[in-house]
Amino acid sequence: MAERIVIPEAPSEAHRLAIVGPLVAFNASHGFPGHVAPVALLVEDEGGAVTGGLWGRTGYGWLFVELLIVPEAMRGRGLGRRLMAEAEAIARERGCVGAWLTTFTFQAQGFYEKLGYALFGALEDSPAGNTRLFMRKRFGEG
């Protein structure tokens, strides 16, 4: 049987799952179960509309913070710090050893450093003229 490469016009979640399934099975066969669980913390305004928050996931012993946004009008009041602390607490309860995330040079590197995160990698020109920063924090170290 000859294989072929197909490029779908509209990649879907079903396509992603078709790739993820065999990868998770392969990893598990080598002793690395792939249980991934989402982490969501929502910031709501007085009317109950979501205006910000944190989205991430735990897996392979780490919390990955994918998205964090504090509404501009609410910045400077410790809300970002509280969101991160709550996500880290959830991760610890799930047995994680640390957390990691990416940010950009035009975003919040200093904020994360104040929370104990350290740079472990950088990707230049992502987006052009900026650098994507990879940061991590081992729980109990910062």
Protein backbone atom coordinates (compact mmCIF):
# COMPACT_ATOMS: atom_id res chain seq x y z
CA MET A 1 0.00 0.00 0.00
CA ALA A 2 1.41 3.36 -1.01
CA GLU A 3 1.05 6.21 1.40
CA ARG A 4 0.13 9.71 0.38
CA ILE A 5 0.21 13.11 2.00
CA VAL A 6 -3.09 14.99 2.03
CA ILE A 7 -3.46 18.69 2.82
CA PRO A 8 -7.03 19.34 4.00
CA GLU A 9 -8.63 22.62 2.92
CA ALA A 10 -10.08 23.14 6.39
CA PRO A 11 -8.12 21.26 9.06
CA SER A 12 -10.48 20.15 11.82
CA GLU A 13 -10.41 18.85 15.37
CA ALA A 14 -11.10 15.39 13.91
CA HIS A 15 -7.88 15.66 11.89
CA ARG A 16 -5.93 16.67 15.00
CA LEU A 17 -7.39 13.77 16.98
CA ALA A 18 -6.49 11.34 14.20
CA ILE A 19 -2.86 12.39 14.68
CA VAL A 20 -2.94 12.71 18.47
CA GLY A 21 -4.41 9.23 19.05
CA PRO A 22 -1.53 7.20 17.63
CA LEU A 23 1.02 9.57 19.18
CA VAL A 24 -0.49 9.21 22.67
CA ALA A 25 -0.59 5.42 22.22
CA PHE A 26 3.07 5.36 21.14
CA ASN A 27 4.14 7.50 24.10
CA ALA A 28 2.11 5.35 26.52
CA SER A 29 3.74 2.19 25.15
CA HIS A 30 7.06 3.71 26.25
CA GLY A 31 5.84 4.47 29.77
CA PHE A 32 4.62 8.04 29.27
CA PRO A 33 0.83 8.13 29.65
CA GLY A 34 -0.63 11.12 27.88
CA HIS A 35 -3.40 12.18 30.23
CA VAL A 36 -3.90 15.87 29.50
CA ALA A 37 -6.44 17.89 31.47
CA PRO A 38 -7.50 21.49 30.78
CA VAL A 39 -7.13 24.34 33.24
CA ALA A 40 -9.49 27.30 32.86
CA LEU A 41 -9.84 30.34 35.12
CA LEU A 42 -12.28 32.99 33.92
CA VAL A 43 -12.47 36.69 34.76
CA GLU A 44 -16.03 37.98 34.51
CA ASP A 45 -17.34 41.53 34.58
CA GLU A 46 -20.28 42.62 36.72
CA GLY A 47 -22.70 41.38 34.05
CA GLY A 48 -21.14 37.90 33.95
CA ALA A 49 -19.39 38.34 30.59
CA VAL A 50 -15.95 36.73 30.36
CA THR A 51 -13.40 39.52 29.88
CA GLY A 52 -10.17 37.65 30.51
CA GLY A 53 -8.57 34.76 32.32
CA LEU A 54 -6.14 31.91 32.02
CA TRP A 55 -6.30 28.85 29.77
CA GLY A 56 -3.85 25.98 29.93
CA ARG A 57 -3.46 22.27 30.48
CA THR A 58 -1.61 19.80 32.63
CA GLY A 59 0.16 16.83 31.13
CA TYR A 60 3.40 14.89 31.41
CA GLY A 61 3.89 16.33 34.89
CA TRP A 62 3.79 20.01 33.85
CA LEU A 63 1.31 22.84 33.62
CA PHE A 64 1.41 24.65 30.27
CA VAL A 65 -0.10 28.14 30.44
CA GLU A 66 -1.32 28.71 26.91
CA LEU A 67 -3.24 31.97 27.35
CA LEU A 68 -3.35 34.67 30.03
CA ILE A 69 -5.09 38.00 29.67
CA VAL A 70 -6.04 40.49 32.34
CA PRO A 71 -8.48 43.15 31.13
CA GLU A 72 -6.65 46.44 30.79
CA ALA A 73 -8.98 48.19 33.25
CA MET A 74 -8.17 45.54 35.88
CA ARG A 75 -4.38 45.55 35.57
CA GLY A 76 -2.16 46.53 38.47
CA ARG A 77 -4.44 45.01 41.12
CA GLY A 78 -2.80 41.59 41.44
CA LEU A 79 -5.34 39.75 39.29
CA GLY A 80 -2.70 38.22 37.00
CA ARG A 81 -0.70 37.06 40.00
CA ARG A 82 -3.87 35.49 41.49
CA LEU A 83 -4.72 33.72 38.24
CA MET A 84 -1.22 32.27 37.99
CA ALA A 85 -1.20 31.21 41.66
CA GLU A 86 -4.54 29.42 41.27
CA ALA A 87 -3.40 27.62 38.09
CA GLU A 88 -0.18 26.57 39.82
CA ALA A 89 -2.19 25.28 42.81
CA ILE A 90 -4.34 23.18 40.47
CA ALA A 91 -1.18 21.85 38.81
CA ARG A 92 0.35 20.92 42.15
CA GLU A 93 -2.86 19.08 43.12
CA ARG A 94 -2.52 17.13 39.86
CA GLY A 95 1.05 16.16 40.74
CA CYS A 96 2.88 18.54 38.41
CA VAL A 97 6.51 19.42 39.08
CA GLY A 98 6.37 22.83 37.43
CA ALA A 99 4.84 25.16 34.88
CA TRP A 100 5.94 26.55 31.55
CA LEU A 101 4.68 29.13 29.09
CA THR A 102 5.61 31.34 26.21
CA THR A 103 5.46 35.10 26.05
CA PHE A 104 6.83 37.70 23.66
CA THR A 105 9.37 40.48 24.12
CA PHE A 106 6.50 42.99 23.81
CA GLN A 107 4.42 41.23 26.48
CA ALA A 108 5.07 40.17 30.08
CA GLN A 109 8.55 38.73 30.64
CA GLY A 110 9.09 40.86 33.76
CA PHE A 111 5.72 39.83 35.21
CA TYR A 112 6.59 36.15 34.92
CA GLU A 113 10.11 36.67 36.30
CA LYS A 114 8.57 38.26 39.42
CA LEU A 115 6.57 35.04 39.83
CA GLY A 116 9.72 32.92 39.72
CA TYR A 117 9.77 31.97 36.04
CA ALA A 118 13.12 31.76 34.24
CA LEU A 119 13.95 31.88 30.55
CA PHE A 120 14.90 28.53 29.01
CA GLY A 121 14.68 29.31 25.32
CA ALA A 122 13.99 31.96 22.70
CA LEU A 123 12.75 31.96 19.12
CA GLU A 124 13.77 35.05 17.18
CA ASP A 125 11.51 36.71 14.60
CA SER A 126 8.38 35.19 16.08
CA PRO A 127 6.65 37.43 15.08
CA ALA A 128 9.08 39.39 12.86
CA GLY A 129 11.15 41.86 14.84
CA ASN A 130 10.22 40.23 18.16
CA THR A 131 11.27 37.17 20.10
CA ARG A 132 9.06 34.44 21.57
CA LEU A 133 10.35 33.60 25.03
CA PHE A 134 10.01 30.18 26.66
CA MET A 135 9.85 30.35 30.45
CA ARG A 136 9.52 27.75 33.19
CA LYS A 137 9.15 27.49 36.92
CA ARG A 138 9.84 24.36 38.96
CA PHE A 139 7.53 24.31 41.94
CA GLY A 140 9.42 24.80 45.17
CA GLU A 141 12.17 26.85 43.48
CA GLY A 142 10.55 30.24 42.99
